[in-house]
Structure formats: structure tokens, C-alpha cells
C-alpha atoms as a PDB file:
ATOM      1  CA  MET A   1      22.600   2.855   1.041  1.00  0.00           C
ATOM      2  CA  THR A   2      22.412   0.294   3.770  1.00  0.00           C
ATOM      3  CA  THR A   3      23.666  -3.193   4.304  1.00  0.00           C
ATOM      4  CA  PRO A   4      21.322  -6.096   5.028  1.00  0.00           C
ATOM      5  CA  PRO A   5      20.811  -7.090   8.652  1.00  0.00           C
ATOM      6  CA  ALA A   6      23.209  -9.606  10.189  1.00  0.00           C
ATOM      7  CA  SER A   7      20.550 -12.341   9.912  1.00  0.00           C
ATOM      8  CA  SER A   8      20.494 -12.048   6.095  1.00  0.00           C
ATOM      9  CA  PRO A   9      22.620 -14.258   3.859  1.00  0.00           C
ATOM     10  CA  PRO A  10      26.127 -12.873   3.293  1.00  0.00           C
ATOM     11  CA  TYR A  11      26.293 -10.152   0.646  1.00  0.00           C
ATOM     12  CA  ASP A  12      29.394  -8.619  -0.923  1.00  0.00           C
ATOM     13  CA  GLY A  13      27.853  -5.182  -1.398  1.00  0.00           C
ATOM     14  CA  GLU A  14      25.261  -2.705  -0.307  1.00  0.00           C
ATOM     15  CA  TRP A  15      21.571  -2.420  -1.073  1.00  0.00           C
ATOM     16  CA  GLU A  16      20.681   0.406  -3.431  1.00  0.00           C
ATOM     17  CA  PHE A  17      17.282   2.102  -3.123  1.00  0.00           C
ATOM     18  CA  VAL A  18      15.863   3.864  -6.207  1.00  0.00           C
ATOM     19  CA  THR A  19      12.501   5.579  -6.641  1.00  0.00           C
ATOM     20  CA  ILE A  20      11.045   4.175  -9.852  1.00  0.00           C
ATOM     21  CA  ASP A  21       7.855   6.250 -10.017  1.00  0.00           C
ATOM     22  CA  GLY A  22       6.363   8.770  -7.655  1.00  0.00           C
ATOM     23  CA  THR A  23       3.029  10.083  -6.514  1.00  0.00           C
ATOM     24  CA  ASP A  24       1.870  13.369  -8.029  1.00  0.00           C
ATOM     25  CA  PRO A  25       2.254  16.056  -5.328  1.00  0.00           C
ATOM     26  CA  GLU A  26      -0.789  17.831  -6.829  1.00  0.00           C
ATOM     27  CA  ASP A  27      -2.975  14.744  -6.265  1.00  0.00           C
ATOM     28  CA  PRO A  28      -2.354  13.184  -2.840  1.00  0.00           C
ATOM     29  CA  SER A  29      -5.079  10.585  -3.498  1.00  0.00           C
ATOM     30  CA  GLU A  30      -3.015   9.016  -6.289  1.00  0.00           C
ATOM     31  CA  VAL A  31      -1.437   5.705  -5.360  1.00  0.00           C
ATOM     32  CA  VAL A  32       1.554   4.377  -7.306  1.00  0.00           C
ATOM     33  CA  GLY A  33       3.198   0.987  -7.034  1.00  0.00           C
ATOM     34  CA  GLN A  34       0.542  -1.318  -5.670  1.00  0.00           C
ATOM     35  CA  HIS A  35       0.330  -4.945  -6.790  1.00  0.00           C
ATOM     36  CA  THR A  36       3.868  -5.105  -8.131  1.00  0.00           C
ATOM     37  CA  ALA A  37       5.299  -8.039 -10.049  1.00  0.00           C
ATOM     38  CA  LEU A  38       8.978  -8.358 -11.022  1.00  0.00           C
ATOM     39  CA  ILE A  39      11.026 -10.462 -13.442  1.00  0.00           C
ATOM     40  CA  VAL A  40      14.584 -10.390 -14.699  1.00  0.00           C
ATOM     41  CA  ALA A  41      14.377 -11.254 -18.401  1.00  0.00           C
ATOM     42  CA  SER A  42      16.838 -13.555 -20.133  1.00  0.00           C
ATOM     43  CA  ASN A  43      18.662 -10.512 -21.562  1.00  0.00           C
ATOM     44  CA  GLY A  44      19.157  -9.091 -18.038  1.00  0.00           C
ATOM     45  CA  THR A  45      16.464  -6.410 -18.250  1.00  0.00           C
ATOM     46  CA  VAL A  46      14.552  -5.912 -15.009  1.00  0.00           C
ATOM     47  CA  HIS A  47      10.792  -5.464 -15.588  1.00  0.00           C
ATOM     48  CA  ILE A  48       8.310  -4.378 -12.915  1.00  0.00           C
ATOM     49  CA  ALA A  49       4.574  -4.293 -13.602  1.00  0.00           C
ATOM     50  CA  TYR A  50       2.553  -2.192 -11.150  1.00  0.00           C
ATOM     51  CA  SER A  51      -0.689  -0.300 -10.656  1.00  0.00           C
ATOM     52  CA  GLN A  52      -1.131   3.453 -10.740  1.00  0.00           C
ATOM     53  CA  ASN A  53      -3.953   5.897 -10.006  1.00  0.00           C
ATOM     54  CA  ASN A  54      -5.800   3.622  -7.605  1.00  0.00           C
ATOM     55  CA  TYR A  55      -6.001   0.716 -10.070  1.00  0.00           C
ATOM     56  CA  GLU A  56      -6.764   2.788 -13.172  1.00  0.00           C
ATOM     57  CA  ASP A  57      -3.649   1.798 -15.147  1.00  0.00           C
ATOM     58  CA  VAL A  58      -1.026  -0.939 -15.337  1.00  0.00           C
ATOM     59  CA  LEU A  59       2.477   0.352 -15.986  1.00  0.00           C
ATOM     60  CA  LEU A  60       5.674  -1.452 -16.937  1.00  0.00           C
ATOM     61  CA  TRP A  61       9.042  -0.153 -15.757  1.00  0.00           C
ATOM     62  CA  SER A  62      11.957  -1.647 -17.693  1.00  0.00           C
ATOM     63  CA  ASN A  63      15.608  -1.222 -16.810  1.00  0.00           C
ATOM     64  CA  PRO A  64      17.945  -2.766 -19.387  1.00  0.00           C
ATOM     65  CA  VAL A  65      21.515  -3.748 -18.600  1.00  0.00           C
ATOM     66  CA  THR A  66      22.661  -0.874 -20.836  1.00  0.00           C
ATOM     67  CA  GLY A  67      20.667   2.244 -21.581  1.00  0.00           C
ATOM     68  CA  ALA A  68      18.014   4.216 -19.757  1.00  0.00           C
ATOM     69  CA  SER A  69      15.026   2.830 -17.910  1.00  0.00           C
ATOM     70  CA  THR A  70      11.527   3.444 -19.304  1.00  0.00           C
ATOM     71  CA  ILE A  71       7.967   3.491 -18.007  1.00  0.00           C
ATOM     72  CA  GLN A  72       5.135   2.494 -20.340  1.00  0.00           C
ATOM     73  CA  THR A  73       1.407   2.297 -19.804  1.00  0.00           C
ATOM     74  CA  MET A  74       0.416  -1.270 -20.699  1.00  0.00           C
ATOM     75  CA  VAL A  75      -3.307  -1.337 -19.828  1.00  0.00           C
ATOM     76  CA  GLU A  76      -5.228   1.926 -19.577  1.00  0.00           C
ATOM     77  CA  PHE A  77      -8.965   1.547 -19.421  1.00  0.00           C
ATOM     78  CA  GLY A  78      -9.769   1.931 -15.764  1.00  0.00           C
ATOM     79  CA  SER A  79     -10.320  -0.370 -12.829  1.00  0.00           C
ATOM     80  CA  VAL A  80      -7.393  -2.627 -13.725  1.00  0.00           C
ATOM     81  CA  GLY A  81      -4.137  -3.461 -12.064  1.00  0.00           C
ATOM     82  CA  MET A  82      -5.031  -5.693  -9.174  1.00  0.00           C
ATOM     83  CA  TYR A  83      -2.985  -8.850  -8.668  1.00  0.00           C
ATOM     84  CA  ASN A  84      -0.539  -8.251 -11.541  1.00  0.00           C
ATOM     85  CA  SER A  85       1.596 -11.133 -12.767  1.00  0.00           C
ATOM     86  CA  ILE A  86       4.473 -10.914 -15.225  1.00  0.00           C
ATOM     87  CA  ALA A  87       6.481 -13.507 -17.137  1.00  0.00           C
ATOM     88  CA  GLU A  88       8.792 -13.788 -20.119  1.00  0.00           C
ATOM     89  CA  GLY A  89       7.883 -16.254 -22.864  1.00  0.00           C
ATOM     90  CA  PRO A  90      10.392 -18.356 -24.818  1.00  0.00           C
ATOM     91  CA  SER A  91      10.418 -15.834 -27.699  1.00  0.00           C
ATOM     92  CA  GLY A  92      11.277 -12.944 -25.334  1.00  0.00           C
ATOM     93  CA  LEU A  93       7.759 -11.499 -25.166  1.00  0.00           C
ATOM     94  CA  VAL A  94       6.910 -10.014 -21.777  1.00  0.00           C
ATOM     95  CA  HIS A  95       3.414 -11.047 -20.660  1.00  0.00           C
ATOM     96  CA  ILE A  96       1.342  -9.224 -18.040  1.00  0.00           C
ATOM     97  CA  VAL A  97      -1.883 -10.574 -16.582  1.00  0.00           C
ATOM     98  CA  THR A  98      -4.089  -8.378 -14.423  1.00  0.00           C
ATOM     99  CA  HIS A  99      -7.524  -8.391 -12.828  1.00  0.00           C
ATOM    100  CA  GLU A 100     -10.196  -5.891 -13.923  1.00  0.00           C
ATOM    101  CA  ARG A 101     -12.020  -5.213 -10.685  1.00  0.00           C
ATOM    102  CA  VAL A 102     -15.391  -3.850 -11.887  1.00  0.00           C
ATOM    103  CA  ARG A 103     -16.364  -6.604 -14.335  1.00  0.00           C
ATOM    104  CA  GLY A 104     -14.084  -9.215 -12.774  1.00  0.00           C
ATOM    105  CA  ASP A 105     -12.307  -9.950 -16.080  1.00  0.00           C
ATOM    106  CA  LEU A 106      -8.825 -11.399 -16.391  1.00  0.00           C
ATOM    107  CA  ILE A 107      -6.793  -9.336 -18.880  1.00  0.00           C
ATOM    108  CA  HIS A 108      -3.609 -10.340 -20.722  1.00  0.00           C
ATOM    109  CA  THR A 109      -1.271  -8.019 -22.597  1.00  0.00           C
ATOM    110  CA  SER A 110       2.140  -8.684 -24.093  1.00  0.00           C
ATOM    111  CA  TYR A 111       5.104  -6.529 -25.022  1.00  0.00           C
ATOM    112  CA  SER A 112       7.996  -7.210 -27.359  1.00  0.00           C
ATOM    113  CA  PRO A 113      11.063  -5.357 -26.031  1.00  0.00           C
END
């Protein structure tokens, strides 16, 4: 744990660093965590959408206020995961929009926590 530099706004605590997902040691070409997008939902759950396997999948990490964090594959049909965006709708649905790089399509998926 470290504290922010003196030029940062005043904080009453320390920064905590947590590895959310990791690269497979058997496959050094795998890339995890590119094109991340983060929201804190109205219920306090932190959601991070990110790319895995060199833009093959879009994953969603969710960390609720109580309970264990989860990782789910949201979009899994290859060549997706560039320029992810995430938002929560008024009904609590989590929406993820991503770019499919081969065909150039814009893809939307939603998740009801």
C-alpha cells in the first residue's frame, strides 16, 4: 500500500492495489485488461469491463459492497473488446458497448445483476 503523492488532493487513507485478473503463465501472448471501463453502480457495486485474449472476449468484473467479486464473460465471439464503455441504466441494468474490430460492428450487451 502506498499513499498518493503530495501533489494529490488530501486523502484520509492509503491506496489499495488488487490484481483483478491475471495473464496465463502458460500463454505469455495473452493480454488481459486492455480497454477498461469502470462504473460504481447505484447499489455500490464496482463494475469493470475489459478485454482479454488480445481482444477475443469482453469480461465483466463485479465487486459488490458485500459478498465476493465475480468475473463473467459478457461477449465471446472473437475480435471484440476494443474501446469498451459501461453504464448503468435507470432500472439497474449494466450496459456494455464494445467495438468488433474485424467487421467494424458496434456491439451492445446488458446484464441484470
